[in-house]
PDB file of all heavy atoms in Angstrom:
ATOM      1  N   GLY A   1      97.305 127.502  92.187  1.00  0.00           N
ATOM      2  CA  GLY A   1      96.043 127.169  91.542  1.00  0.00           C
ATOM      3  C   GLY A   1      96.165 126.497  90.193  1.00  0.00           C
ATOM      4  O   GLY A   1      95.148 126.127  89.593  1.00  0.00           O
ATOM      5  N   VAL A   2      97.384 126.347  89.672  1.00  0.00           N
ATOM      6  CA  VAL A   2      97.585 125.622  88.417  1.00  0.00           C
ATOM      7  C   VAL A   2      97.478 124.126  88.700  1.00  0.00           C
ATOM      8  O   VAL A   2      98.091 123.623  89.641  1.00  0.00           O
ATOM      9  CB  VAL A   2      98.962 125.953  87.800  1.00  0.00           C
ATOM     10  CG1 VAL A   2      99.208 125.118  86.545  1.00  0.00           C
ATOM     11  CG2 VAL A   2      99.066 127.431  87.489  1.00  0.00           C
ATOM     12  N   GLY A   3      96.709 123.414  87.904  1.00  0.00           N
ATOM     13  CA  GLY A   3      96.616 121.971  88.081  1.00  0.00           C
ATOM     14  C   GLY A   3      97.917 121.305  87.707  1.00  0.00           C
ATOM     15  O   GLY A   3      98.561 121.687  86.721  1.00  0.00           O
ATOM     16  N   GLY A   4      98.349 120.324  88.464  1.00  0.00           N
ATOM     17  CA  GLY A   4      99.638 119.687  88.206  1.00  0.00           C
ATOM     18  C   GLY A   4      99.585 118.189  88.352  1.00  0.00           C
ATOM     19  O   GLY A   4      98.878 117.671  89.225  1.00  0.00           O
ATOM     20  N   LEU A   5     100.325 117.508  87.494  1.00  0.00           N
ATOM     21  CA  LEU A   5     100.446 116.053  87.561  1.00  0.00           C
ATOM     22  C   LEU A   5     101.902 115.683  87.357  1.00  0.00           C
ATOM     23  O   LEU A   5     102.515 116.075  86.353  1.00  0.00           O
ATOM     24  CB  LEU A   5      99.588 115.382  86.491  1.00  0.00           C
ATOM     25  CG  LEU A   5      99.578 113.852  86.539  1.00  0.00           C
ATOM     26  CD1 LEU A   5      98.748 113.359  87.711  1.00  0.00           C
ATOM     27  CD2 LEU A   5      99.033 113.272  85.248  1.00  0.00           C
ATOM     28  N   LEU A   6     102.486 114.951  88.296  1.00  0.00           N
ATOM     29  CA  LEU A   6     103.881 114.535  88.240  1.00  0.00           C
ATOM     30  C   LEU A   6     103.968 113.047  87.973  1.00  0.00           C
ATOM     31  O   LEU A   6     103.354 112.248  88.693  1.00  0.00           O
ATOM     32  CB  LEU A   6     104.581 114.884  89.553  1.00  0.00           C
ATOM     33  CG  LEU A   6     104.747 116.378  89.818  1.00  0.00           C
ATOM     34  CD1 LEU A   6     105.208 116.625  91.254  1.00  0.00           C
ATOM     35  CD2 LEU A   6     105.725 116.988  88.824  1.00  0.00           C
ATOM     36  N   ILE A   7     104.735 112.681  86.967  1.00  0.00           N
ATOM     37  CA  ILE A   7     104.879 111.286  86.556  1.00  0.00           C
ATOM     38  C   ILE A   7     106.328 110.870  86.711  1.00  0.00           C
ATOM     39  O   ILE A   7     107.239 111.561  86.244  1.00  0.00           O
ATOM     40  CB  ILE A   7     104.442 111.083  85.093  1.00  0.00           C
ATOM     41  CG1 ILE A   7     102.973 111.467  84.925  1.00  0.00           C
ATOM     42  CG2 ILE A   7     104.683 109.649  84.634  1.00  0.00           C
ATOM     43  CD1 ILE A   7     102.515 111.465  83.490  1.00  0.00           C
ATOM     44  N   CYS A   8     106.549 109.738  87.357  1.00  0.00           N
ATOM     45  CA  CYS A   8     107.884 109.166  87.484  1.00  0.00           C
ATOM     46  C   CYS A   8     108.014 107.964  86.564  1.00  0.00           C
ATOM     47  O   CYS A   8     107.215 107.022  86.648  1.00  0.00           O
ATOM     48  CB  CYS A   8     108.144 108.739  88.930  1.00  0.00           C
ATOM     49  SG  CYS A   8     109.668 107.783  89.145  1.00  0.00           S
ATOM     50  N   SER A   9     108.995 107.999  85.690  1.00  0.00           N
ATOM     51  CA  SER A   9     109.374 106.838  84.896  1.00  0.00           C
ATOM     52  C   SER A   9     110.396 106.072  85.734  1.00  0.00           C
ATOM     53  O   SER A   9     111.578 106.400  85.745  1.00  0.00           O
ATOM     54  CB  SER A   9     109.967 107.272  83.555  1.00  0.00           C
ATOM     55  OG  SER A   9     110.416 106.167  82.813  1.00  0.00           O
ATOM     56  N   ALA A  10     109.925 105.073  86.463  1.00  0.00           N
ATOM     57  CA  ALA A  10     110.733 104.444  87.514  1.00  0.00           C
ATOM     58  C   ALA A  10     111.722 103.428  86.951  1.00  0.00           C
ATOM     59  O   ALA A  10     111.528 102.860  85.874  1.00  0.00           O
ATOM     60  CB  ALA A  10     109.820 103.772  88.524  1.00  0.00           C
ATOM     61  N   SER A  11     112.779 103.203  87.733  1.00  0.00           N
ATOM     62  CA  SER A  11     113.785 102.201  87.391  1.00  0.00           C
ATOM     63  C   SER A  11     114.386 101.663  88.672  1.00  0.00           C
ATOM     64  O   SER A  11     114.227 102.249  89.749  1.00  0.00           O
ATOM     65  CB  SER A  11     114.886 102.801  86.521  1.00  0.00           C
ATOM     66  OG  SER A  11     115.742 103.630  87.297  1.00  0.00           O
ATOM     67  N   SER A  12     115.121 100.579  88.549  1.00  0.00           N
ATOM     68  CA  SER A  12     115.803 100.001  89.710  1.00  0.00           C
ATOM     69  C   SER A  12     117.024 100.831  90.106  1.00  0.00           C
ATOM     70  O   SER A  12     117.569 100.662  91.193  1.00  0.00           O
ATOM     71  CB  SER A  12     116.233  98.563  89.413  1.00  0.00           C
ATOM     72  OG  SER A  12     117.117  98.531  88.298  1.00  0.00           O
ATOM     73  N   GLU A  13     117.446 101.740  89.231  1.00  0.00           N
ATOM     74  CA  GLU A  13     118.655 102.530  89.478  1.00  0.00           C
ATOM     75  C   GLU A  13     118.384 103.810  90.259  1.00  0.00           C
ATOM     76  O   GLU A  13     119.290 104.344  90.891  1.00  0.00           O
ATOM     77  CB  GLU A  13     119.314 102.899  88.142  1.00  0.00           C
ATOM     78  CG  GLU A  13     119.862 101.710  87.390  1.00  0.00           C
ATOM     79  CD  GLU A  13     120.476 102.121  86.062  1.00  0.00           C
ATOM     80  OE1 GLU A  13     120.071 103.156  85.494  1.00  0.00           O
ATOM     81  OE2 GLU A  13     121.366 101.401  85.594  1.00  0.00           O
ATOM     82  N   GLN A  14     117.156 104.322  90.193  1.00  0.00           N
ATOM     83  CA  GLN A  14     116.874 105.614  90.803  1.00  0.00           C
ATOM     84  C   GLN A  14     115.427 105.661  91.280  1.00  0.00           C
ATOM     85  O   GLN A  14     114.512 105.436  90.491  1.00  0.00           O
ATOM     86  CB  GLN A  14     117.119 106.734  89.779  1.00  0.00           C
ATOM     87  CG  GLN A  14     116.874 108.130  90.297  1.00  0.00           C
ATOM     88  CD  GLN A  14     117.675 108.446  91.536  1.00  0.00           C
ATOM     89  OE1 GLN A  14     117.164 108.379  92.659  1.00  0.00           O
ATOM     90  NE2 GLN A  14     118.953 108.757  91.336  1.00  0.00           N
ATOM     91  N   ASP A  15     115.240 105.936  92.560  1.00  0.00           N
ATOM     92  CA  ASP A  15     113.881 106.000  93.096  1.00  0.00           C
ATOM     93  C   ASP A  15     113.563 107.341  93.749  1.00  0.00           C
ATOM     94  O   ASP A  15     112.556 107.488  94.442  1.00  0.00           O
ATOM     95  CB  ASP A  15     113.636 104.865  94.090  1.00  0.00           C
ATOM     96  CG  ASP A  15     114.553 104.949  95.309  1.00  0.00           C
ATOM     97  OD1 ASP A  15     115.377 105.879  95.391  1.00  0.00           O
ATOM     98  OD2 ASP A  15     114.442 104.066  96.190  1.00  0.00           O
ATOM     99  N   ALA A  16     114.396 108.340  93.508  1.00  0.00           N
ATOM    100  CA  ALA A  16     114.233 109.631  94.183  1.00  0.00           C
ATOM    101  C   ALA A  16     112.914 110.313  93.840  1.00  0.00           C
ATOM    102  O   ALA A  16     112.395 111.100  94.635  1.00  0.00           O
ATOM    103  CB  ALA A  16     115.395 110.554  93.829  1.00  0.00           C
ATOM    104  N   LEU A  17     112.357 110.031  92.664  1.00  0.00           N
ATOM    105  CA  LEU A  17     111.130 110.699  92.236  1.00  0.00           C
ATOM    106  C   LEU A  17     109.870 109.953  92.646  1.00  0.00           C
ATOM    107  O   LEU A  17     108.775 110.519  92.574  1.00  0.00           O
ATOM    108  CB  LEU A  17     111.119 110.875  90.713  1.00  0.00           C
ATOM    109  CG  LEU A  17     112.288 111.632  90.076  1.00  0.00           C
ATOM    110  CD1 LEU A  17     112.038 111.808  88.593  1.00  0.00           C
ATOM    111  CD2 LEU A  17     112.501 112.967  90.738  1.00  0.00           C
ATOM    112  N   VAL A  18     110.020 108.701  93.057  1.00  0.00           N
ATOM    113  CA  VAL A  18     108.845 107.859  93.295  1.00  0.00           C
ATOM    114  C   VAL A  18     107.922 108.463  94.340  1.00  0.00           C
ATOM    115  O   VAL A  18     106.703 108.577  94.134  1.00  0.00           O
ATOM    116  CB  VAL A  18     109.270 106.428  93.704  1.00  0.00           C
ATOM    117  CG1 VAL A  18     108.058 105.614  94.145  1.00  0.00           C
ATOM    118  CG2 VAL A  18     109.978 105.734  92.540  1.00  0.00           C
ATOM    119  N   ALA A  19     108.470 108.871  95.474  1.00  0.00           N
ATOM    120  CA  ALA A  19     107.645 109.405  96.557  1.00  0.00           C
ATOM    121  C   ALA A  19     107.009 110.737  96.188  1.00  0.00           C
ATOM    122  O   ALA A  19     105.988 111.121  96.776  1.00  0.00           O
ATOM    123  CB  ALA A  19     108.474 109.551  97.828  1.00  0.00           C
ATOM    124  N   ARG A  20     107.584 111.440  95.232  1.00  0.00           N
ATOM    125  CA  ARG A  20     107.082 112.760  94.830  1.00  0.00           C
ATOM    126  C   ARG A  20     106.010 112.674  93.746  1.00  0.00           C
ATOM    127  O   ARG A  20     105.290 113.658  93.498  1.00  0.00           O
ATOM    128  CB  ARG A  20     108.238 113.619  94.300  1.00  0.00           C
ATOM    129  CG  ARG A  20     109.344 113.926  95.304  1.00  0.00           C
ATOM    130  CD  ARG A  20     108.965 115.059  96.218  1.00  0.00           C
ATOM    131  NE  ARG A  20     108.590 116.258  95.474  1.00  0.00           N
ATOM    132  CZ  ARG A  20     109.464 117.175  95.025  1.00  0.00           C
ATOM    133  NH1 ARG A  20     110.768 117.032  95.268  1.00  0.00           N
ATOM    134  NH2 ARG A  20     109.046 118.255  94.370  1.00  0.00           N
ATOM    135  N   ALA A  21     105.945 111.534  93.076  1.00  0.00           N
ATOM    136  CA  ALA A  21     105.110 111.427  91.880  1.00  0.00           C
ATOM    137  C   ALA A  21     103.657 111.111  92.208  1.00  0.00           C
ATOM    138  O   ALA A  21     103.347 110.433  93.187  1.00  0.00           O
ATOM    139  CB  ALA A  21     105.675 110.354  90.947  1.00  0.00           C
ATOM    140  N   ASP A  22     102.763 111.591  91.345  1.00  0.00           N
ATOM    141  CA  ASP A  22     101.351 111.223  91.412  1.00  0.00           C
ATOM    142  C   ASP A  22     101.103 109.902  90.697  1.00  0.00           C
ATOM    143  O   ASP A  22     100.197 109.155  91.043  1.00  0.00           O
ATOM    144  CB  ASP A  22     100.492 112.310  90.766  1.00  0.00           C
ATOM    145  CG  ASP A  22     100.709 113.665  91.396  1.00  0.00           C
ATOM    146  OD1 ASP A  22     100.479 113.787  92.619  1.00  0.00           O
ATOM    147  OD2 ASP A  22     101.132 114.598  90.687  1.00  0.00           O
ATOM    148  N   VAL A  23     101.900 109.651  89.662  1.00  0.00           N
ATOM    149  CA  VAL A  23     101.791 108.429  88.860  1.00  0.00           C
ATOM    150  C   VAL A  23     103.186 107.846  88.713  1.00  0.00           C
ATOM    151  O   VAL A  23     104.119 108.559  88.342  1.00  0.00           O
ATOM    152  CB  VAL A  23     101.198 108.723  87.464  1.00  0.00           C
ATOM    153  CG1 VAL A  23     101.174 107.457  86.614  1.00  0.00           C
ATOM    154  CG2 VAL A  23      99.804 109.317  87.581  1.00  0.00           C
ATOM    155  N   VAL A  24     103.341 106.564  89.001  1.00  0.00           N
ATOM    156  CA  VAL A  24     104.626 105.880  88.848  1.00  0.00           C
ATOM    157  C   VAL A  24     104.475 104.835  87.753  1.00  0.00           C
ATOM    158  O   VAL A  24     103.605 103.948  87.836  1.00  0.00           O
ATOM    159  CB  VAL A  24     105.078 105.222  90.162  1.00  0.00           C
ATOM    160  CG1 VAL A  24     106.400 104.471  89.957  1.00  0.00           C
ATOM    161  CG2 VAL A  24     105.231 106.273  91.260  1.00  0.00           C
ATOM    162  N   LEU A  25     105.304 104.929  86.722  1.00  0.00           N
ATOM    163  CA  LEU A  25     105.265 104.021  85.585  1.00  0.00           C
ATOM    164  C   LEU A  25     106.581 103.264  85.499  1.00  0.00           C
ATOM    165  O   LEU A  25     107.621 103.763  85.923  1.00  0.00           O
ATOM    166  CB  LEU A  25     105.030 104.806  84.287  1.00  0.00           C
ATOM    167  CG  LEU A  25     103.759 105.666  84.256  1.00  0.00           C
ATOM    168  CD1 LEU A  25     103.738 106.531  82.995  1.00  0.00           C
ATOM    169  CD2 LEU A  25     102.513 104.791  84.321  1.00  0.00           C
TER     170      LEU A  25
END
């Protein structure tokens, strides 16, 4: 029930967080 927001600081070197993120920057 805790509100959550996941942000990925994306790069060409690592994309593992992209699919998990709510916001991709």
